[in-house]
PDB file of N, CA and C in Angstrom:
ATOM      1  N   MET A   1     -25.141 -18.044 -14.956  1.00  0.00           N
ATOM      2  CA  MET A   1     -24.863 -16.738 -14.401  1.00  0.00           C
ATOM      3  C   MET A   1     -23.929 -16.837 -13.193  1.00  0.00           C
ATOM      4  N   LYS A   2     -24.212 -17.831 -12.340  1.00  0.00           N
ATOM      5  CA  LYS A   2     -23.355 -18.022 -11.173  1.00  0.00           C
ATOM      6  C   LYS A   2     -21.949 -18.429 -11.587  1.00  0.00           C
ATOM      7  N   LEU A   3     -21.854 -19.210 -12.649  1.00  0.00           N
ATOM      8  CA  LEU A   3     -20.545 -19.652 -13.127  1.00  0.00           C
ATOM      9  C   LEU A   3     -19.729 -18.462 -13.627  1.00  0.00           C
ATOM     10  N   ILE A   4     -20.348 -17.564 -14.345  1.00  0.00           N
ATOM     11  CA  ILE A   4     -19.653 -16.376 -14.850  1.00  0.00           C
ATOM     12  C   ILE A   4     -19.210 -15.494 -13.695  1.00  0.00           C
ATOM     13  N   THR A   5     -20.070 -15.324 -12.706  1.00  0.00           N
ATOM     14  CA  THR A   5     -19.720 -14.526 -11.531  1.00  0.00           C
ATOM     15  C   THR A   5     -18.556 -15.153 -10.779  1.00  0.00           C
ATOM     16  N   ALA A   6     -18.588 -16.470 -10.611  1.00  0.00           N
ATOM     17  CA  ALA A   6     -17.503 -17.157  -9.907  1.00  0.00           C
ATOM     18  C   ALA A   6     -16.190 -17.023 -10.669  1.00  0.00           C
ATOM     19  N   LEU A   7     -16.227 -17.141 -11.981  1.00  0.00           N
ATOM     20  CA  LEU A   7     -15.017 -16.995 -12.777  1.00  0.00           C
ATOM     21  C   LEU A   7     -14.463 -15.575 -12.707  1.00  0.00           C
ATOM     22  N   CYS A   8     -15.327 -14.584 -12.726  1.00  0.00           N
ATOM     23  CA  CYS A   8     -14.880 -13.192 -12.617  1.00  0.00           C
ATOM     24  C   CYS A   8     -14.227 -12.929 -11.262  1.00  0.00           C
ATOM     25  N   ILE A   9     -14.833 -13.433 -10.206  1.00  0.00           N
ATOM     26  CA  ILE A   9     -14.268 -13.243  -8.870  1.00  0.00           C
ATOM     27  C   ILE A   9     -12.928 -13.962  -8.761  1.00  0.00           C
ATOM     28  N   GLN A  10     -12.839 -15.164  -9.315  1.00  0.00           N
ATOM     29  CA  GLN A  10     -11.575 -15.893  -9.273  1.00  0.00           C
ATOM     30  C   GLN A  10     -10.495 -15.152 -10.044  1.00  0.00           C
ATOM     31  N   LEU A  11     -10.817 -14.627 -11.203  1.00  0.00           N
ATOM     32  CA  LEU A  11      -9.860 -13.856 -11.981  1.00  0.00           C
ATOM     33  C   LEU A  11      -9.412 -12.614 -11.221  1.00  0.00           C
ATOM     34  N   LEU A  12     -10.344 -11.949 -10.576  1.00  0.00           N
ATOM     35  CA  LEU A  12     -10.029 -10.770  -9.783  1.00  0.00           C
ATOM     36  C   LEU A  12      -9.108 -11.112  -8.617  1.00  0.00           C
ATOM     37  N   MET A  13      -9.364 -12.221  -7.947  1.00  0.00           N
ATOM     38  CA  MET A  13      -8.533 -12.620  -6.816  1.00  0.00           C
ATOM     39  C   MET A  13      -7.134 -13.027  -7.263  1.00  0.00           C
ATOM     40  N   VAL A  14      -7.006 -13.674  -8.409  1.00  0.00           N
ATOM     41  CA  VAL A  14      -5.695 -14.050  -8.918  1.00  0.00           C
ATOM     42  C   VAL A  14      -4.900 -12.793  -9.246  1.00  0.00           C
ATOM     43  N   GLY A  15      -5.546 -11.824  -9.869  1.00  0.00           N
ATOM     44  CA  GLY A  15      -4.875 -10.562 -10.177  1.00  0.00           C
ATOM     45  C   GLY A  15      -4.433  -9.838  -8.934  1.00  0.00           C
ATOM     46  N   ALA A  16      -5.256  -9.878  -7.902  1.00  0.00           N
ATOM     47  CA  ALA A  16      -4.900  -9.208  -6.648  1.00  0.00           C
ATOM     48  C   ALA A  16      -3.767  -9.935  -5.931  1.00  0.00           C
ATOM     49  N   SER A  17      -3.714 -11.251  -6.085  1.00  0.00           N
ATOM     50  CA  SER A  17      -2.680 -12.001  -5.367  1.00  0.00           C
ATOM     51  C   SER A  17      -1.297 -11.796  -5.953  1.00  0.00           C
ATOM     52  N   ILE A  18      -1.224 -11.413  -7.235  1.00  0.00           N
ATOM     53  CA  ILE A  18       0.085 -11.203  -7.841  1.00  0.00           C
ATOM     54  C   ILE A  18       0.438  -9.729  -7.961  1.00  0.00           C
ATOM     55  N   ALA A  19      -0.331  -8.897  -7.287  1.00  0.00           N
ATOM     56  CA  ALA A  19      -0.076  -7.461  -7.337  1.00  0.00           C
ATOM     57  C   ALA A  19       1.243  -7.134  -6.642  1.00  0.00           C
ATOM     58  N   ASP A  20       1.800  -6.010  -6.988  1.00  0.00           N
ATOM     59  CA  ASP A  20       3.067  -5.568  -6.411  1.00  0.00           C
ATOM     60  C   ASP A  20       2.914  -5.324  -4.916  1.00  0.00           C
ATOM     61  N   ILE A  21       3.987  -5.485  -4.165  1.00  0.00           N
ATOM     62  CA  ILE A  21       3.945  -5.316  -2.708  1.00  0.00           C
ATOM     63  C   ILE A  21       3.589  -3.883  -2.307  1.00  0.00           C
ATOM     64  N   ASN A  22       3.912  -2.919  -3.133  1.00  0.00           N
ATOM     65  CA  ASN A  22       3.595  -1.532  -2.808  1.00  0.00           C
ATOM     66  C   ASN A  22       2.158  -1.161  -3.116  1.00  0.00           C
ATOM     67  N   ALA A  23       1.481  -2.022  -3.830  1.00  0.00           N
ATOM     68  CA  ALA A  23       0.099  -1.736  -4.205  1.00  0.00           C
ATOM     69  C   ALA A  23      -0.837  -2.130  -3.069  1.00  0.00           C
ATOM     70  N   THR A  24      -2.082  -1.760  -3.205  1.00  0.00           N
ATOM     71  CA  THR A  24      -3.073  -2.173  -2.231  1.00  0.00           C
ATOM     72  C   THR A  24      -3.489  -3.604  -2.522  1.00  0.00           C
ATOM     73  N   SER A  25      -3.976  -4.290  -1.523  1.00  0.00           N
ATOM     74  CA  SER A  25      -4.433  -5.659  -1.714  1.00  0.00           C
ATOM     75  C   SER A  25      -5.945  -5.700  -1.607  1.00  0.00           C
ATOM     76  N   LEU A  26      -6.538  -6.588  -2.368  1.00  0.00           N
ATOM     77  CA  LEU A  26      -7.981  -6.705  -2.430  1.00  0.00           C
ATOM     78  C   LEU A  26      -8.373  -8.085  -1.939  1.00  0.00           C
ATOM     79  N   THR A  27      -9.249  -8.142  -0.959  1.00  0.00           N
ATOM     80  CA  THR A  27      -9.742  -9.417  -0.456  1.00  0.00           C
ATOM     81  C   THR A  27     -11.255  -9.366  -0.368  1.00  0.00           C
ATOM     82  N   ILE A  28     -11.848 -10.517  -0.218  1.00  0.00           N
ATOM     83  CA  ILE A  28     -13.298 -10.598  -0.054  1.00  0.00           C
ATOM     84  C   ILE A  28     -13.574 -11.201   1.308  1.00  0.00           C
ATOM     85  N   LYS A  29     -14.305 -10.471   2.157  1.00  0.00           N
ATOM     86  CA  LYS A  29     -14.704 -10.949   3.478  1.00  0.00           C
ATOM     87  C   LYS A  29     -16.203 -10.787   3.609  1.00  0.00           C
ATOM     88  N   ASN A  30     -16.847 -11.868   3.954  1.00  0.00           N
ATOM     89  CA  ASN A  30     -18.304 -11.859   4.145  1.00  0.00           C
ATOM     90  C   ASN A  30     -19.029 -11.290   2.935  1.00  0.00           C
ATOM     91  N   GLY A  31     -18.518 -11.592   1.749  1.00  0.00           N
ATOM     92  CA  GLY A  31     -19.163 -11.144   0.526  1.00  0.00           C
ATOM     93  C   GLY A  31     -18.919  -9.692   0.179  1.00  0.00           C
ATOM     94  N   LYS A  32     -18.024  -9.014   0.898  1.00  0.00           N
ATOM     95  CA  LYS A  32     -17.717  -7.616   0.624  1.00  0.00           C
ATOM     96  C   LYS A  32     -16.268  -7.493   0.195  1.00  0.00           C
ATOM     97  N   PHE A  33     -15.990  -6.586  -0.723  1.00  0.00           N
ATOM     98  CA  PHE A  33     -14.627  -6.324  -1.146  1.00  0.00           C
ATOM     99  C   PHE A  33     -13.945  -5.438  -0.115  1.00  0.00           C
ATOM    100  N   ILE A  34     -12.787  -5.867   0.357  1.00  0.00           N
ATOM    101  CA  ILE A  34     -12.019  -5.122   1.341  1.00  0.00           C
ATOM    102  C   ILE A  34     -10.712  -4.686   0.672  1.00  0.00           C
ATOM    103  N   VAL A  35     -10.486  -3.386   0.616  1.00  0.00           N
ATOM    104  CA  VAL A  35      -9.251  -2.867   0.040  1.00  0.00           C
ATOM    105  C   VAL A  35      -8.381  -2.402   1.196  1.00  0.00           C
ATOM    106  N   ALA A  36      -7.229  -3.028   1.348  1.00  0.00           N
ATOM    107  CA  ALA A  36      -6.317  -2.695   2.444  1.00  0.00           C
ATOM    108  C   ALA A  36      -5.012  -2.176   1.867  1.00  0.00           C
ATOM    109  N   GLN A  37      -4.474  -1.165   2.489  1.00  0.00           N
ATOM    110  CA  GLN A  37      -3.231  -0.586   2.018  1.00  0.00           C
ATOM    111  C   GLN A  37      -2.062  -1.267   2.720  1.00  0.00           C
ATOM    112  N   SER A  38      -1.005  -1.501   1.987  1.00  0.00           N
ATOM    113  CA  SER A  38       0.168  -2.138   2.563  1.00  0.00           C
ATOM    114  C   SER A  38       0.925  -1.147   3.449  1.00  0.00           C
ATOM    115  N   TYR A  39       1.839  -1.686   4.252  1.00  0.00           N
ATOM    116  CA  TYR A  39       2.657  -0.821   5.104  1.00  0.00           C
ATOM    117  C   TYR A  39       3.504   0.135   4.264  1.00  0.00           C
ATOM    118  N   CYS A  40       3.976  -0.337   3.107  1.00  0.00           N
ATOM    119  CA  CYS A  40       4.787   0.518   2.241  1.00  0.00           C
ATOM    120  C   CYS A  40       3.962   1.688   1.721  1.00  0.00           C
ATOM    121  N   GLY A  41       2.721   1.431   1.387  1.00  0.00           N
ATOM    122  CA  GLY A  41       1.840   2.505   0.949  1.00  0.00           C
ATOM    123  C   GLY A  41       1.580   3.511   2.052  1.00  0.00           C
ATOM    124  N   MET A  42       1.446   3.018   3.278  1.00  0.00           N
ATOM    125  CA  MET A  42       1.237   3.925   4.407  1.00  0.00           C
ATOM    126  C   MET A  42       2.476   4.774   4.661  1.00  0.00           C
ATOM    127  N   CYS A  43       3.663   4.190   4.469  1.00  0.00           N
ATOM    128  CA  CYS A  43       4.903   4.965   4.624  1.00  0.00           C
ATOM    129  C   CYS A  43       4.946   6.096   3.600  1.00  0.00           C
ATOM    130  N   ALA A  44       4.589   5.774   2.366  1.00  0.00           N
ATOM    131  CA  ALA A  44       4.608   6.787   1.302  1.00  0.00           C
ATOM    132  C   ALA A  44       3.594   7.891   1.573  1.00  0.00           C
ATOM    133  N   ASP A  45       2.398   7.523   2.036  1.00  0.00           N
ATOM    134  CA  ASP A  45       1.380   8.530   2.347  1.00  0.00           C
ATOM    135  C   ASP A  45       1.815   9.425   3.503  1.00  0.00           C
ATOM    136  N   ALA A  46       2.429   8.825   4.517  1.00  0.00           N
ATOM    137  CA  ALA A  46       2.900   9.613   5.662  1.00  0.00           C
ATOM    138  C   ALA A  46       4.014  10.570   5.244  1.00  0.00           C
ATOM    139  N   ALA A  47       4.895  10.117   4.358  1.00  0.00           N
ATOM    140  CA  ALA A  47       5.978  10.979   3.886  1.00  0.00           C
ATOM    141  C   ALA A  47       5.428  12.149   3.069  1.00  0.00           C
ATOM    142  N   THR A  48       4.432  11.884   2.242  1.00  0.00           N
ATOM    143  CA  THR A  48       3.826  12.951   1.449  1.00  0.00           C
ATOM    144  C   THR A  48       3.153  13.980   2.358  1.00  0.00           C
ATOM    145  N   ALA A  49       2.415  13.500   3.354  1.00  0.00           N
ATOM    146  CA  ALA A  49       1.754  14.413   4.294  1.00  0.00           C
ATOM    147  C   ALA A  49       2.785  15.234   5.066  1.00  0.00           C
ATOM    148  N   CYS A  50       3.890  14.615   5.433  1.00  0.00           N
ATOM    149  CA  CYS A  50       4.948  15.316   6.156  1.00  0.00           C
ATOM    150  C   CYS A  50       5.554  16.418   5.286  1.00  0.00           C
ATOM    151  N   ARG A  51       5.821  16.107   4.017  1.00  0.00           N
ATOM    152  CA  ARG A  51       6.409  17.110   3.119  1.00  0.00           C
ATOM    153  C   ARG A  51       5.469  18.283   2.890  1.00  0.00           C
ATOM    154  N   ILE A  52       4.175  18.009   2.831  1.00  0.00           N
ATOM    155  CA  ILE A  52       3.194  19.084   2.640  1.00  0.00           C
ATOM    156  C   ILE A  52       3.204  20.022   3.851  1.00  0.00           C
ATOM    157  N   LYS A  53       3.357  19.468   5.040  1.00  0.00           N
ATOM    158  CA  LYS A  53       3.388  20.280   6.262  1.00  0.00           C
ATOM    159  C   LYS A  53       4.642  21.143   6.360  1.00  0.00           C
ATOM    160  N   CYS A  54       5.699  20.783   5.627  1.00  0.00           N
ATOM    161  CA  CYS A  54       6.974  21.499   5.741  1.00  0.00           C
ATOM    162  C   CYS A  54       6.955  22.896   5.121  1.00  0.00           C
ATOM    163  N   ASN A  55       6.112  23.157   4.170  1.00  0.00           N
ATOM    164  CA  ASN A  55       6.047  24.454   3.486  1.00  0.00           C
ATOM    165  C   ASN A  55       7.377  24.859   2.861  1.00  0.00           C
ATOM    166  N   GLY A  56       8.113  23.890   2.312  1.00  0.00           N
ATOM    167  CA  GLY A  56       9.339  24.195   1.589  1.00  0.00           C
ATOM    168  C   GLY A  56      10.592  24.284   2.422  1.00  0.00           C
ATOM    169  N   SER A  57      10.520  24.038   3.711  1.00  0.00           N
ATOM    170  CA  SER A  57      11.705  24.099   4.564  1.00  0.00           C
ATOM    171  C   SER A  57      12.600  22.896   4.276  1.00  0.00           C
ATOM    172  N   GLY A  58      13.859  23.161   3.939  1.00  0.00           N
ATOM    173  CA  GLY A  58      14.782  22.097   3.542  1.00  0.00           C
ATOM    174  C   GLY A  58      15.076  21.099   4.636  1.00  0.00           C
ATOM    175  N   THR A  59      15.309  21.583   5.860  1.00  0.00           N
ATOM    176  CA  THR A  59      15.623  20.655   6.950  1.00  0.00           C
ATOM    177  C   THR A  59      14.407  19.810   7.314  1.00  0.00           C
ATOM    178  N   CYS A  60      13.247  20.382   7.209  1.00  0.00           N
ATOM    179  CA  CYS A  60      12.019  19.640   7.496  1.00  0.00           C
ATOM    180  C   CYS A  60      11.813  18.534   6.458  1.00  0.00           C
ATOM    181  N   ILE A  61      12.034  18.856   5.196  1.00  0.00           N
ATOM    182  CA  ILE A  61      11.880  17.865   4.129  1.00  0.00           C
ATOM    183  C   ILE A  61      12.901  16.749   4.303  1.00  0.00           C
ATOM    184  N   GLN A  62      14.116  17.095   4.697  1.00  0.00           N
ATOM    185  CA  GLN A  62      15.138  16.073   4.940  1.00  0.00           C
ATOM    186  C   GLN A  62      14.724  15.157   6.088  1.00  0.00           C
ATOM    187  N   ALA A  63      14.127  15.716   7.135  1.00  0.00           N
ATOM    188  CA  ALA A  63      13.639  14.909   8.254  1.00  0.00           C
ATOM    189  C   ALA A  63      12.523  13.972   7.794  1.00  0.00           C
ATOM    190  N   CYS A  64      11.647  14.460   6.909  1.00  0.00           N
ATOM    191  CA  CYS A  64      10.583  13.615   6.355  1.00  0.00           C
ATOM    192  C   CYS A  64      11.185  12.466   5.551  1.00  0.00           C
ATOM    193  N   ASP A  65      12.203  12.764   4.760  1.00  0.00           N
ATOM    194  CA  ASP A  65      12.862  11.724   3.972  1.00  0.00           C
ATOM    195  C   ASP A  65      13.528  10.681   4.871  1.00  0.00           C
ATOM    196  N   ASP A  66      14.136  11.137   5.952  1.00  0.00           N
ATOM    197  CA  ASP A  66      14.758  10.207   6.891  1.00  0.00           C
ATOM    198  C   ASP A  66      13.711   9.309   7.552  1.00  0.00           C
ATOM    199  N   ASP A  67      12.582   9.904   7.957  1.00  0.00           N
ATOM    200  CA  ASP A  67      11.502   9.119   8.551  1.00  0.00           C
ATOM    201  C   ASP A  67      10.957   8.102   7.548  1.00  0.00           C
ATOM    202  N   PHE A  68      10.815   8.522   6.296  1.00  0.00           N
ATOM    203  CA  PHE A  68      10.331   7.622   5.252  1.00  0.00           C
ATOM    204  C   PHE A  68      11.300   6.454   5.060  1.00  0.00           C
ATOM    205  N   ARG A  69      12.587   6.758   5.010  1.00  0.00           N
ATOM    206  CA  ARG A  69      13.596   5.710   4.838  1.00  0.00           C
ATOM    207  C   ARG A  69      13.549   4.711   5.996  1.00  0.00           C
ATOM    208  N   ASP A  70      13.401   5.215   7.233  1.00  0.00           N
ATOM    209  CA  ASP A  70      13.296   4.329   8.393  1.00  0.00           C
ATOM    210  C   ASP A  70      12.043   3.463   8.321  1.00  0.00           C
ATOM    211  N   CYS A  71      10.932   4.062   7.929  1.00  0.00           N
ATOM    212  CA  CYS A  71       9.673   3.325   7.812  1.00  0.00           C
ATOM    213  C   CYS A  71       9.790   2.216   6.768  1.00  0.00           C
ATOM    214  N   VAL A  72      10.404   2.531   5.637  1.00  0.00           N
ATOM    215  CA  VAL A  72      10.581   1.533   4.578  1.00  0.00           C
ATOM    216  C   VAL A  72      11.491   0.416   5.056  1.00  0.00           C
ATOM    217  N   ASP A  73      12.582   0.769   5.744  1.00  0.00           N
ATOM    218  CA  ASP A  73      13.505  -0.252   6.247  1.00  0.00           C
ATOM    219  C   ASP A  73      12.827  -1.190   7.237  1.00  0.00           C
ATOM    220  N   GLN A  74      11.941  -0.661   8.056  1.00  0.00           N
ATOM    221  CA  GLN A  74      11.280  -1.479   9.073  1.00  0.00           C
ATOM    222  C   GLN A  74      10.122  -2.297   8.520  1.00  0.00           C
ATOM    223  N   ASN A  75       9.408  -1.768   7.543  1.00  0.00           N
ATOM    224  CA  ASN A  75       8.151  -2.395   7.147  1.00  0.00           C
ATOM    225  C   ASN A  75       8.109  -2.996   5.743  1.00  0.00           C
ATOM    226  N   CYS A  76       8.960  -2.551   4.853  1.00  0.00           N
ATOM    227  CA  CYS A  76       8.785  -2.923   3.453  1.00  0.00           C
ATOM    228  C   CYS A  76       9.832  -3.876   2.910  1.00  0.00           C
ATOM    229  N   ARG A  77      10.922  -4.026   3.559  1.00  0.00           N
ATOM    230  CA  ARG A  77      11.968  -4.893   3.030  1.00  0.00           C
ATOM    231  C   ARG A  77      11.543  -6.342   3.153  1.00  0.00           C
ATOM    232  N   ARG A  78      11.735  -7.087   2.084  1.00  0.00           N
ATOM    233  CA  ARG A  78      11.413  -8.508   2.124  1.00  0.00           C
ATOM    234  C   ARG A  78      12.507  -9.238   2.892  1.00  0.00           C
ATOM    235  N   ARG A  79      12.097 -10.106   3.769  1.00  0.00           N
ATOM    236  CA  ARG A  79      13.061 -10.887   4.554  1.00  0.00           C
ATOM    237  C   ARG A  79      13.180 -12.259   3.920  1.00  0.00           C
ATOM    238  N   TYR A  80      14.400 -12.673   3.642  1.00  0.00           N
ATOM    239  CA  TYR A  80      14.628 -13.960   2.977  1.00  0.00           C
ATOM    240  C   TYR A  80      15.123 -14.985   3.966  1.00  0.00           C
TER     241      TYR A  80
END
């Protein structure tokens, strides 16, 4: 039983380690599953919340898009 549980957890961790950068990451700390959102995901959530607050105003939506682009440039670009 312990072997099956260990194999399942290992498979889950391997899947989480190869997940896309925009996806959430899954880790295990102190026997608990911790789901953390990446910076790119936070940028997308902030942009969506900003657009909802705009109520259809074009200049406001453009400002949200600009903020999103800046957030992505600062936090999501892979550095080589």
